[in-house]
Protein backbone atom coordinates (compact mmCIF):
# COMPACT_ATOMS: atom_id res chain seq x y z
CA MET A 1 363.82 167.89 -156.59
CA LYS A 2 362.15 166.85 -159.84
CA PRO A 3 359.48 169.62 -159.80
CA ASN A 4 362.22 172.20 -159.25
CA ALA A 5 364.23 170.78 -162.14
CA GLU A 6 361.18 170.97 -164.36
CA PHE A 7 360.68 174.62 -163.42
CA LEU A 8 364.31 175.47 -164.18
CA SER A 9 363.95 173.84 -167.59
CA LEU A 10 361.38 176.47 -168.57
CA PRO A 11 362.54 179.47 -170.59
CA GLU A 12 363.77 182.31 -168.35
CA GLU A 13 361.01 184.63 -169.59
CA ILE A 14 358.34 182.18 -168.38
CA GLN A 15 360.15 181.69 -165.07
CA CYS A 16 360.08 185.46 -164.52
CA ASN A 17 356.42 185.67 -165.43
CA ILE A 18 355.55 182.95 -162.89
CA LEU A 19 357.72 184.48 -160.15
CA SER A 20 356.14 187.91 -160.74
CA PHE A 21 352.90 186.62 -159.18
CA LEU A 22 354.70 186.03 -155.87
CA SER A 23 355.13 188.50 -153.04
CA CYS A 24 358.41 190.33 -152.51
CA ARG A 25 359.28 188.05 -149.59
CA ASP A 26 358.63 184.90 -151.64
CA ILE A 27 360.64 186.20 -154.59
CA LEU A 28 363.63 186.82 -152.33
CA CYS A 29 363.21 183.36 -150.77
CA CYS A 30 363.36 181.82 -154.25
CA THR A 31 366.62 183.62 -155.00
CA SER A 32 368.25 181.80 -152.08
CA VAL A 33 367.23 178.35 -153.34
CA CYS A 34 369.90 178.03 -156.03
CA LYS A 35 372.26 180.03 -158.23
CA ALA A 36 370.03 179.59 -161.28
CA LEU A 37 367.05 181.32 -159.65
CA ARG A 38 369.38 183.97 -158.26
CA GLN A 39 370.60 184.68 -161.76
CA THR A 40 367.03 184.77 -163.06
CA TYR A 41 366.23 187.48 -160.51
CA ILE A 42 369.37 189.50 -161.28
CA SER A 43 368.60 189.49 -165.00
CA SER A 44 364.94 190.48 -164.55
CA SER A 45 364.15 194.17 -164.12
CA GLU A 46 360.51 193.30 -163.56
CA LEU A 47 361.25 191.10 -160.51
CA GLN A 48 363.64 193.69 -159.11
CA TYR A 49 360.98 196.37 -159.65
CA ILE A 50 358.49 194.33 -157.58
CA VAL A 51 361.05 193.94 -154.78
CA GLU A 52 362.04 197.62 -154.95
CA LEU A 53 358.43 198.79 -154.63
CA SER A 54 357.84 196.52 -151.64
CA GLY A 55 361.14 197.50 -150.02
CA GLN A 56 360.21 201.17 -150.28
CA ARG A 57 356.71 200.35 -148.93
CA LEU A 58 355.05 201.44 -152.18
CA LEU A 59 352.22 200.02 -154.26
CA HIS A 60 351.96 200.05 -158.03
CA VAL A 61 349.04 202.18 -159.23
CA PRO A 62 347.15 200.28 -161.96
CA ASN A 63 346.84 201.74 -165.45
CA THR A 64 349.54 204.37 -164.98
CA ASP A 65 352.43 202.67 -166.75
CA ASP A 66 353.97 204.61 -169.59
CA VAL A 67 354.50 201.92 -172.22
CA ASN A 68 357.25 204.06 -173.71
CA ILE A 69 359.35 203.72 -170.54
CA PRO A 70 360.96 200.26 -170.13
CA VAL A 71 360.72 198.55 -166.74
CA SER A 72 364.49 198.85 -166.35
CA GLU A 73 364.24 202.64 -166.57
CA ARG A 74 361.31 202.74 -164.14
CA LEU A 75 363.39 200.67 -161.72
CA GLN A 76 366.34 203.03 -161.97
CA LEU A 77 364.11 206.09 -161.61
CA LEU A 78 362.59 204.59 -158.47
CA ARG A 79 366.00 203.92 -156.96
CA ASP A 80 367.36 207.32 -157.94
CA LYS A 81 364.33 209.03 -156.44
CA ALA A 82 364.85 207.23 -153.14
CA HIS A 83 368.54 208.13 -153.14
CA ALA A 84 367.76 211.78 -153.85
CA TRP A 85 366.21 212.15 -150.40
CA PHE A 86 369.61 211.50 -148.83
CA LYS A 87 371.38 214.24 -150.79
CA ILE A 88 368.88 217.06 -150.45
CA ASP A 89 370.34 220.49 -151.10
CA ALA A 90 368.68 222.68 -148.47
CA HIS A 91 370.04 225.80 -150.17
CA SER A 92 368.26 224.99 -153.43
CA PHE A 93 364.70 226.10 -152.84
CA LYS A 94 361.99 228.32 -154.24
CA THR A 95 360.05 230.82 -152.14
CA VAL A 96 356.31 231.32 -152.53
CA LEU A 97 354.91 234.50 -150.97
CA LEU A 98 351.59 234.00 -149.20
CA SER A 99 348.98 236.35 -147.78
CA GLU A 100 349.36 237.91 -144.35
CA ASN A 101 346.91 235.56 -142.60
CA MET A 102 347.86 232.30 -144.34
CA TYR A 103 348.89 230.69 -141.08
CA SER A 104 345.89 229.03 -139.45
CA ASP A 105 344.82 226.33 -137.02
CA GLU A 106 344.24 223.81 -139.82
CA ALA A 107 346.66 223.76 -142.74
CA PHE A 108 348.21 221.15 -145.01
CA VAL A 109 349.91 220.81 -148.39
CA ALA A 110 348.75 218.44 -151.14
CA ASP A 111 348.76 218.22 -154.91
CA GLY A 112 350.72 221.44 -155.44
CA HIS A 113 348.44 223.59 -153.21
CA ILE A 114 348.30 224.75 -149.60
CA TYR A 115 344.92 224.38 -147.89
CA SER A 116 344.00 226.23 -144.70
CA TRP A 117 341.08 226.99 -142.42
CA ASP A 118 341.20 229.64 -139.72
CA ARG A 119 338.65 228.78 -137.05
CA ALA A 120 338.78 232.14 -135.27
CA GLU A 121 338.53 234.22 -138.44
CA ASP A 122 336.01 231.87 -140.13
CA THR A 123 338.03 231.90 -143.34
CA ALA A 124 339.54 229.27 -145.63
CA LYS A 125 341.98 229.40 -148.52
CA ILE A 126 343.42 227.28 -151.30
CA VAL A 127 346.61 228.70 -152.81
CA PRO A 128 348.60 227.11 -155.68
CA ILE A 129 352.25 226.27 -154.89
CA LEU A 130 354.36 225.77 -158.00
CA PRO A 131 351.77 223.47 -159.66
CA GLN A 132 352.85 221.03 -162.36
CA PRO A 133 352.26 222.17 -165.98
CA SER A 134 349.63 219.46 -166.41
CA GLN A 135 347.70 220.63 -163.32
CA LYS A 136 344.74 222.98 -163.27
CA PRO A 137 345.48 225.40 -160.41
CA VAL A 138 342.74 226.07 -157.85
CA ASN A 139 342.67 229.41 -156.08
CA ARG A 140 339.87 229.88 -153.53
CA ASP A 141 339.30 232.38 -150.73
CA TRP A 142 336.30 231.89 -148.44
CA SER A 143 335.62 235.11 -146.55
CA PRO A 144 333.85 235.18 -143.14
CA GLY A 145 330.25 234.05 -143.38
CA THR A 146 330.61 232.12 -146.65
CA LEU A 147 331.74 228.70 -145.39
CA PHE A 148 328.70 227.84 -143.29
CA HIS A 149 324.96 228.38 -143.45
CA PRO A 150 323.64 231.71 -142.12
CA ASN A 151 322.41 231.62 -138.53
CA SER A 152 324.47 228.49 -137.78
CA ARG A 153 327.17 227.50 -135.32
CA SER A 154 330.37 226.58 -137.18
CA ILE A 155 332.15 223.46 -135.91
CA ASP A 156 334.82 222.14 -138.29
CA VAL A 157 336.01 221.92 -141.91
CA PHE A 158 337.53 218.98 -143.79
CA MET A 159 339.10 219.24 -147.25
CA ASP A 160 340.06 216.29 -149.47
CA PRO A 161 341.83 217.48 -152.65
CA ALA A 162 341.95 213.98 -154.17
CA GLN A 163 338.16 213.91 -154.34
CA ASN A 164 337.62 217.65 -154.81
CA LEU A 165 335.64 217.64 -151.54
CA ILE A 166 335.05 220.23 -148.84
CA ALA A 167 332.87 219.17 -145.89
CA THR A 168 331.66 221.74 -143.35
CA VAL A 169 330.03 220.87 -140.02
CA TYR A 170 327.56 223.28 -138.46
CA GLY A 171 324.73 223.30 -135.92
CA ASP A 172 321.38 224.98 -136.21
CA ILE A 173 321.25 227.78 -133.64
CA ASP A 174 317.47 227.37 -133.41
CA ASP A 175 318.06 223.84 -132.12
CA ILE A 176 320.01 225.24 -129.17
CA ASP A 177 317.05 227.45 -128.26
CA ASP A 178 314.76 224.39 -128.42
CA MET A 179 316.99 222.07 -126.39
CA SER A 180 314.60 222.35 -123.48
CA GLN A 181 312.29 220.15 -125.52
CA SER A 182 314.94 217.61 -126.58
CA ASN A 183 318.15 216.20 -125.23
CA HIS A 184 320.50 217.03 -128.09
CA GLU A 185 321.40 219.48 -130.82
CA THR A 186 321.12 218.52 -134.51
CA PHE A 187 324.13 218.99 -136.75
CA TYR A 188 324.66 218.91 -140.49
CA ILE A 189 327.66 218.30 -142.76
CA ASP A 190 327.54 220.03 -146.14
CA LEU A 191 329.33 218.21 -148.98
CA LYS A 192 330.54 220.49 -151.76
CA THR A 193 333.31 220.63 -154.35
CA LEU A 194 336.52 222.48 -153.57
CA ASP A 195 336.73 224.26 -156.91
CA SER A 196 333.15 225.55 -156.77
CA ASP A 197 330.24 225.85 -154.37
CA ASN A 198 328.24 223.04 -155.96
CA VAL A 199 327.01 219.93 -154.17
CA HIS A 200 329.56 217.15 -154.64
CA PRO A 201 328.42 214.95 -157.56
CA LYS A 202 329.34 211.70 -155.76
CA ALA A 203 327.56 212.59 -152.52
CA ALA A 204 324.42 210.68 -151.53
CA GLY A 205 322.82 214.04 -150.83
CA PRO A 206 323.66 217.70 -150.24
CA GLU A 207 324.27 217.18 -146.52
CA LEU A 208 324.85 214.50 -143.92
CA ILE A 209 322.64 214.50 -140.85
CA LEU A 210 324.03 213.98 -137.36
CA SER A 211 321.75 212.95 -134.53
CA LEU A 212 323.65 212.51 -131.29
CA LEU A 213 323.02 209.35 -129.30
CA PRO A 214 321.09 210.23 -126.12
CA ILE A 215 322.84 209.50 -122.84
CA SER A 216 319.65 209.62 -120.77
CA GLU A 217 316.56 211.74 -120.54
CA ASP A 218 318.31 214.01 -118.03
CA TYR A 219 321.37 214.71 -120.22
CA LEU A 220 321.19 217.75 -122.50
CA LEU A 221 323.99 217.23 -125.00
CA GLU A 222 325.60 220.31 -126.53
CA ILE A 223 328.78 219.87 -128.57
CA GLU A 224 331.70 221.77 -127.10
CA GLU A 225 334.42 220.55 -129.44
CA ALA A 226 334.44 218.34 -132.55
CA GLN A 227 336.79 217.11 -135.24
CA LEU A 228 336.00 215.98 -138.77
CA LYS A 229 338.23 213.59 -140.73
CA GLY A 230 337.83 211.53 -143.87
CA PHE A 231 339.35 208.85 -146.06
CA GLY A 232 337.96 207.84 -149.45
CA ARG A 233 334.24 207.23 -149.10
CA TYR A 234 334.32 207.63 -145.30
CA ILE A 235 333.77 210.73 -143.19
CA ALA A 236 333.82 210.66 -139.38
CA LEU A 237 333.01 213.26 -136.75
CA ARG A 238 334.25 213.00 -133.16
CA CYS A 239 332.29 215.04 -130.58
CA SER A 240 332.85 216.02 -126.96
CA PHE A 241 330.22 217.82 -124.92
CA VAL A 242 329.64 220.80 -122.64
CA SER A 243 329.56 219.77 -118.94
CA TYR A 244 330.24 216.11 -119.83
CA GLU A 245 333.84 216.26 -121.08
CA GLU A 246 334.50 212.59 -120.31
CA ILE A 247 331.83 211.43 -122.79
CA TRP A 248 332.62 211.23 -126.51
CA GLN A 249 330.86 210.01 -129.63
CA LEU A 250 332.29 209.13 -133.04
CA HIS A 251 329.90 209.04 -136.00
CA ILE A 252 330.98 207.52 -139.32
CA TRP A 253 329.30 207.94 -142.72
CA ASP A 254 329.70 206.32 -146.11
CA TRP A 255 329.04 209.74 -147.61
CA GLN A 256 328.78 208.49 -151.18
CA HIS A 257 325.95 206.08 -150.38
CA SER A 258 324.06 207.33 -147.30
CA MET A 259 323.14 210.64 -145.65
CA THR A 260 322.75 209.08 -142.20
CA SER A 261 325.13 207.17 -139.95
CA ASN A 262 324.41 203.81 -138.37
CA SER A 263 328.07 203.29 -137.50
CA VAL A 264 328.65 205.02 -134.17
CA LEU A 265 331.13 204.59 -131.33
CA MET A 266 330.59 206.06 -127.87
CA GLY A 267 332.73 205.95 -124.77
CA THR A 268 334.29 207.77 -121.85
CA CYS A 269 337.77 209.20 -121.54
CA PHE A 270 338.88 210.37 -118.11
CA THR A 271 341.62 212.68 -119.36
CA PRO A 272 341.68 216.48 -119.77
CA ASN A 273 341.37 216.24 -123.56
CA PRO A 274 339.17 214.19 -125.92
CA ILE A 275 340.21 211.14 -127.88
CA ASP A 276 341.63 211.30 -131.40
CA PHE A 277 341.27 208.91 -134.34
CA CYS A 278 342.47 208.17 -137.87
CA PHE A 279 341.57 205.91 -140.79
CA LEU A 280 343.95 203.06 -141.61
CA GLY A 281 342.90 202.46 -145.20
CA ASN A 282 339.45 201.55 -146.50
CA ASP A 283 338.34 199.16 -143.78
CA ARG A 284 339.99 200.08 -140.47
CA LEU A 285 339.75 202.86 -137.92
CA LEU A 286 342.14 203.56 -135.03
CA VAL A 287 340.95 205.34 -131.87
CA VAL A 288 343.68 206.92 -129.72
CA ALA A 289 342.79 207.26 -126.03
CA GLU A 290 344.36 205.68 -122.94
CA GLU A 291 345.20 202.82 -125.33
CA LEU A 292 344.97 202.24 -129.07
CA LYS A 293 341.76 200.55 -130.23
CA LEU A 294 341.50 199.12 -133.74
CA TYR A 295 338.07 198.77 -135.36
CA SER A 296 336.72 197.26 -138.58
CA ILE A 297 334.39 199.58 -140.55
CA GLU A 298 333.66 197.24 -143.45
CA ASP A 299 329.98 196.95 -142.47
CA MET A 300 328.62 200.48 -142.20
CA SER A 301 325.17 199.27 -141.15
CA GLN A 302 326.35 198.53 -137.61
CA THR A 303 328.66 199.67 -134.85
CA PRO A 304 332.34 199.26 -135.79
CA GLN A 305 333.74 195.88 -134.74
CA LEU A 306 336.61 195.94 -132.25
CA LEU A 307 339.55 194.01 -133.73
CA ALA A 308 342.35 194.63 -131.24
CA ARG A 309 343.55 196.75 -128.33
CA PHE A 310 347.13 197.90 -127.90
CA SER A 311 348.40 199.18 -124.56
CA MET A 312 350.83 202.10 -124.40
CA PRO A 313 353.91 202.43 -122.17
CA VAL A 314 352.39 205.37 -120.27
CA PRO A 315 348.82 206.74 -120.29
CA PHE A 316 348.01 209.56 -122.72
CA LEU A 317 346.60 212.71 -121.15
CA ASP A 318 346.57 214.55 -124.46
CA ALA A 319 347.28 212.84 -127.77
CA GLN A 320 346.95 213.82 -131.43
CA CYS A 321 347.43 211.32 -134.23
CA PHE A 322 348.45 212.07 -137.82
CA LEU A 323 348.36 209.72 -140.77
CA PRO A 324 348.45 211.91 -143.90
CA ILE A 325 346.62 210.54 -146.93
CA ASP A 326 348.56 209.70 -150.06
CA HIS A 327 346.17 211.51 -152.39
CA THR A 328 347.22 209.30 -155.30
CA GLU A 329 345.01 206.53 -153.90
CA HIS A 330 341.71 208.29 -154.44
CA SER A 331 342.50 210.62 -157.33
CA SER A 332 341.02 210.09 -160.76
CA PRO A 333 342.78 207.83 -163.30
CA GLN A 334 343.58 210.90 -165.42
CA THR A 335 345.25 212.62 -162.47
CA GLN A 336 347.12 209.46 -161.51
CA ALA A 337 348.57 209.11 -164.98
CA GLN A 338 349.86 212.68 -164.77
CA GLN A 339 351.35 212.31 -161.30
CA THR A 340 352.89 208.96 -160.49
CA MET A 341 353.02 205.22 -161.06
CA TYR A 342 352.99 204.25 -157.36
CA SER A 343 351.56 205.24 -153.99
CA SER A 344 352.43 204.50 -150.38
CA ASP A 345 351.26 201.15 -149.00
CA PRO A 346 348.38 201.69 -146.52
CA GLN A 347 349.49 198.63 -144.54
CA ASN A 348 353.09 199.83 -144.23
CA ARG A 349 352.99 203.52 -143.42
CA LEU A 350 354.04 205.56 -140.44
CA LEU A 351 351.56 206.80 -137.88
CA CYS A 352 352.56 209.86 -135.87
CA ILE A 353 351.15 210.40 -132.36
CA LEU A 354 351.99 213.58 -130.43
CA ALA A 355 351.68 212.92 -126.71
CA GLU A 356 351.33 215.75 -124.16
CA ALA A 357 353.43 218.00 -126.43
CA THR A 358 356.53 216.31 -124.99
CA HIS A 359 357.02 213.17 -127.09
CA VAL A 360 356.25 211.94 -130.58
CA TYR A 361 355.58 208.27 -131.33
CA ILE A 362 356.46 207.08 -134.84
CA ILE A 363 354.61 203.76 -135.30
CA SER A 364 354.62 201.36 -138.24
CA THR A 365 351.02 200.62 -139.26
CA ARG A 366 351.97 197.02 -140.15
CA ILE A 367 351.20 196.02 -136.56
CA PHE A 368 347.53 196.91 -137.13
CA PHE A 369 347.21 194.51 -140.06
CA ASN A 370 349.18 191.51 -138.72
CA LEU A 371 346.79 190.58 -135.92
CA ASP A 372 347.57 186.82 -135.89
CA GLY A 373 344.25 185.84 -134.33
CA ARG A 374 344.58 188.13 -131.30
CA ALA A 375 341.55 188.30 -129.02
CA ALA A 376 340.00 191.76 -129.21
CA ALA A 377 338.99 191.82 -125.55
CA ILE A 378 342.55 191.35 -124.26
CA PRO A 379 344.96 194.29 -124.75
CA VAL A 380 348.24 193.50 -126.46
CA LEU A 381 350.92 194.53 -123.97
CA TRP A 382 353.30 197.29 -125.05
CA GLU A 383 356.28 194.99 -124.49
CA CYS A 384 354.84 192.54 -127.06
CA TRP A 385 354.23 194.98 -129.90
CA GLY A 386 355.60 198.44 -129.17
CA PRO A 387 359.42 198.53 -128.99
CA SER A 388 360.13 196.84 -132.35
CA ASN A 389 357.37 198.75 -134.21
CA THR A 390 357.96 202.18 -132.72
CA ARG A 391 360.53 204.93 -132.31
CA ILE A 392 359.91 207.66 -129.71
CA PHE A 393 361.52 211.11 -129.89
CA ALA A 394 361.41 214.13 -127.60
CA HIS A 395 359.00 216.74 -128.90
CA TRP A 396 358.55 220.07 -127.16
CA ASP A 397 356.50 223.12 -128.15
CA ALA A 398 359.12 224.53 -130.49
CA TYR A 399 359.62 221.25 -132.38
CA ARG A 400 357.92 220.52 -135.71
CA VAL A 401 357.22 217.11 -137.27
CA HIS A 402 355.42 215.64 -140.29
CA VAL A 403 355.18 212.16 -141.79
CA PHE A 404 354.43 210.89 -145.27
CA GLY A 405 354.54 207.22 -146.22
CA ASN A 406 357.70 205.93 -144.52
CA ARG A 407 359.46 209.29 -144.22
CA VAL A 408 359.59 211.60 -141.23
CA LEU A 409 360.59 215.26 -141.33
CA ARG A 410 361.54 216.86 -138.00
CA ALA A 411 362.71 220.36 -137.15
CA THR A 412 364.56 220.65 -133.84
CA PRO A 413 365.76 223.87 -132.18
CA ILE A 414 369.46 224.76 -132.30
CA GLY A 415 370.83 226.50 -129.23
CA THR A 416 368.71 228.75 -127.03
CA SER A 417 367.09 232.13 -127.42
CA ALA A 418 365.42 234.61 -125.10
CA SER A 419 362.53 234.80 -127.56
CA SER A 420 360.80 231.84 -129.16
CA LEU A 421 360.46 233.96 -132.29
CA LEU A 422 364.24 233.86 -132.75
CA THR A 423 364.54 230.07 -132.50
CA LYS A 424 366.69 228.49 -135.19
CA PHE A 425 366.16 224.94 -136.39
CA ALA A 426 368.01 222.01 -137.86
CA LEU A 427 366.15 219.72 -140.24
CA HIS A 428 366.14 215.93 -139.87
CA MET A 429 364.97 213.69 -142.73
CA MET A 430 364.37 210.06 -141.71
CA ASP A 431 363.46 207.09 -143.90
CA PHE A 432 362.03 204.02 -142.16
CA SER A 433 361.57 201.83 -145.26
CA PRO A 434 363.51 198.51 -145.38
CA LEU A 435 365.52 199.50 -148.48
CA ALA A 436 366.60 202.87 -147.07
CA VAL A 437 369.97 201.40 -146.05
CA THR A 438 370.61 200.29 -149.66
CA ASN A 439 369.27 203.39 -151.39
CA ARG A 440 371.21 205.82 -149.22
CA ARG A 441 374.45 204.69 -150.98
CA ASP A 442 376.64 205.51 -147.96
CA LEU A 443 374.88 208.82 -147.25
CA GLY A 444 373.19 209.55 -143.95
CA ARG A 445 373.31 207.69 -140.66
CA VAL A 446 371.87 204.20 -140.14
CA VAL A 447 370.11 203.93 -136.75
CA LYS A 448 369.45 200.36 -135.65
CA GLU A 449 370.42 200.51 -131.99
CA PRO A 450 367.61 201.00 -129.44
CA SER A 451 367.03 204.42 -127.91
CA THR A 452 365.61 205.20 -124.46
CA ILE A 453 363.36 208.10 -123.53
CA VAL A 454 362.59 209.07 -119.92
CA MET A 455 358.93 210.07 -119.65
CA HIS A 456 357.97 212.35 -116.79
CA LEU A 457 354.28 211.80 -116.22
CA ASP A 458 351.70 214.49 -115.59
CA ASP A 459 350.91 215.46 -112.00
CA LEU A 460 347.43 214.00 -112.51
CA ILE A 461 348.96 210.52 -112.69
CA ASP A 462 350.48 209.32 -109.45
CA ARG A 463 353.30 207.29 -111.00
CA PRO A 464 357.06 207.85 -111.16
CA ALA A 465 358.88 208.70 -114.40
CA GLU A 466 359.39 205.73 -116.70
CA SER A 467 362.14 204.84 -119.17
CA VAL A 468 360.82 203.58 -122.51
CA THR A 469 363.07 201.88 -125.07
CA THR A 470 362.18 201.61 -128.77
CA SER A 471 364.10 200.22 -131.75
CA LEU A 472 362.32 200.74 -135.11
CA SER A 473 365.24 201.17 -137.57
CA TYR A 474 365.70 204.17 -139.86
CA VAL A 475 368.23 206.14 -141.88
CA GLU A 476 368.67 209.81 -141.00
CA VAL A 477 370.09 212.77 -142.87
CA MET A 478 370.52 215.92 -140.82
CA LEU A 479 370.58 219.20 -142.70
CA ASN A 480 372.80 221.11 -140.31
CA ASN A 481 374.41 223.27 -142.99
CA LYS A 482 371.40 225.57 -142.99
CA TRP A 483 369.50 227.03 -140.09
CA PHE A 484 365.79 227.53 -140.62
CA GLY A 485 364.61 230.65 -138.82
CA SER A 486 366.16 234.07 -138.39
CA ASN A 487 365.76 237.35 -136.53
CA ASP A 488 362.83 238.36 -138.74
CA SER A 489 361.00 235.09 -139.29
CA GLU A 490 359.53 232.14 -137.43
CA LEU A 491 359.23 228.53 -138.64
CA VAL A 492 355.52 227.90 -138.21
CA ASP A 493 355.00 224.48 -139.78
CA LEU A 494 356.44 221.99 -142.23
CA TRP A 495 355.29 219.20 -144.52
CA VAL A 496 356.80 216.53 -146.71
CA ASP A 497 355.36 214.59 -149.63
CA LYS A 498 356.76 212.28 -152.29
CA ASP A 499 358.52 215.10 -154.20
CA ARG A 500 359.03 218.10 -151.95
CA ILE A 501 359.70 219.57 -148.52
CA TYR A 502 357.65 222.61 -147.50
CA LEU A 503 358.66 225.09 -144.77
CA LEU A 504 356.02 227.64 -143.76
CA LYS A 505 357.49 230.80 -142.25
CA ARG A 506 355.86 233.81 -140.69
CA LYS A 507 357.74 237.02 -141.41
CA TRP A 508 357.90 239.76 -138.78
CA ASP A 509 357.84 243.46 -139.57
CA HIS A 510 360.15 245.36 -137.18
CA GLU A 511 359.50 248.73 -138.82
CA ALA A 512 355.80 248.44 -138.05
CA VAL A 513 356.52 248.67 -134.33
CA GLY A 514 359.87 250.44 -134.30
CA SER A 515 361.92 248.01 -132.25
CA VAL A 516 363.82 244.80 -132.95
CA HIS A 517 362.41 243.46 -129.69
CA ASP A 518 358.79 244.07 -130.70
CA TYR A 519 357.25 242.23 -133.58
CA GLY A 520 354.46 243.19 -135.91
CA ILE A 521 352.92 240.52 -138.13
CA GLY A 522 354.17 240.71 -141.68
CA ASN A 523 353.40 238.21 -144.41
CA SER A 524 353.93 234.48 -144.69
CA GLU A 525 356.15 232.64 -147.12
CA LEU A 526 356.67 229.03 -148.07
CA GLU A 527 360.10 227.62 -148.88
CA VAL A 528 359.78 224.66 -151.26
CA ILE A 529 362.70 222.23 -151.55
CA HIS A 530 362.47 219.89 -154.55
CA VAL A 531 363.79 216.34 -154.31
């Protein structure tokens, strides 16, 4: 007891300074030791700020503190901001009119802009959405034939606003004509800036080179479908092939330091659709197939190292994973200072997996960082990791979902309609952070009890339907006082970030076709709800 007594004899300011080096969990443990330490915590805004950030699954962004704002005010602003999500006024929104063809296969919202790429039309756009006064708006419109090299086969586009990067994947058509002399097609990834057509200044070179791994001398590999994703200094391209759908390759580049990739994964997937993947921060990659496979990508000179395997309750026949980037992490210090003082914690975010267009898995990424010496070769059974780290919801074609940090935004149909274009939606806002119960201040609904979903498996899998129970806790606010969708519009997509909710609608022009039962495409509009 003597060391403790000596610590308590120190001035309270020094006690707080020492405790501030501890983790949130350790700080809270200290407050339960004695009344004196409890009082020290209660009187210290700095210690409460540390706990509040951790409880909201946020990280402090260095060098963004406004010295003119006391820590006590920052603490209150943080709490008020969290509470504001539980009292959203769905009727208080601004509408941004967009062009007729703004809806596309690939679209997302970030940093006060909407970014889109239309694969069929070979067009891309960046449109400002109520940008902050301190922001420099970017307005770009790539017309057909301007995104990719002439005489090339366009594959995919990736845009990263935080790094002002646009990456375009294309194949040389001449290579296809010469494939009789080789066993694969050569592909290239151009690296340019979003706000101009210049080569990105941080890139190792103007383009990355992709050479597919040969299967055998008899296999002629031609990419049928591919997907490009990135995170920070990493870019990865997943490929599936004509005539050999079960084979896939995943090539990873450190695009700021090398034009070639030595970090390649290859495998087989005996399902109708290819695997998906996402980055879990700067050193980990998750591959979603029949099971979840976690890899380390710290050493880019070699094949990614398998860290762990996680089994799923039922096999995936078609899965898409989403882990939106908090663009604060990789933005410049000047931009950070203008935007925020914190970002979401990469080790405590929500991963969203859409499975067979019937269910959505909301998974806490903490499970992928707390490995506890697990053997990589042995899959972790679903019963050992899944139920307490996951919540599964029904998700049919008409449903919409998006995640950001520890928040989930879902749109679910209300009632029935003879036409999918007339579907009306209710909006569900869910917060999975540990302090959501406190910050809601009696608003919303606390969900701690387990929920069970009956999964009817595909006809390709000869197994009966299974009941799956999950119990990841959350707080939900349902905006049922406004229906999203009407007789002349369709809810196409939605997004959520740290400050706003975005609802993309497609308007329908009845007069263009002369009947309320026939629909001509009108324009698109974006409803923006501020928090």
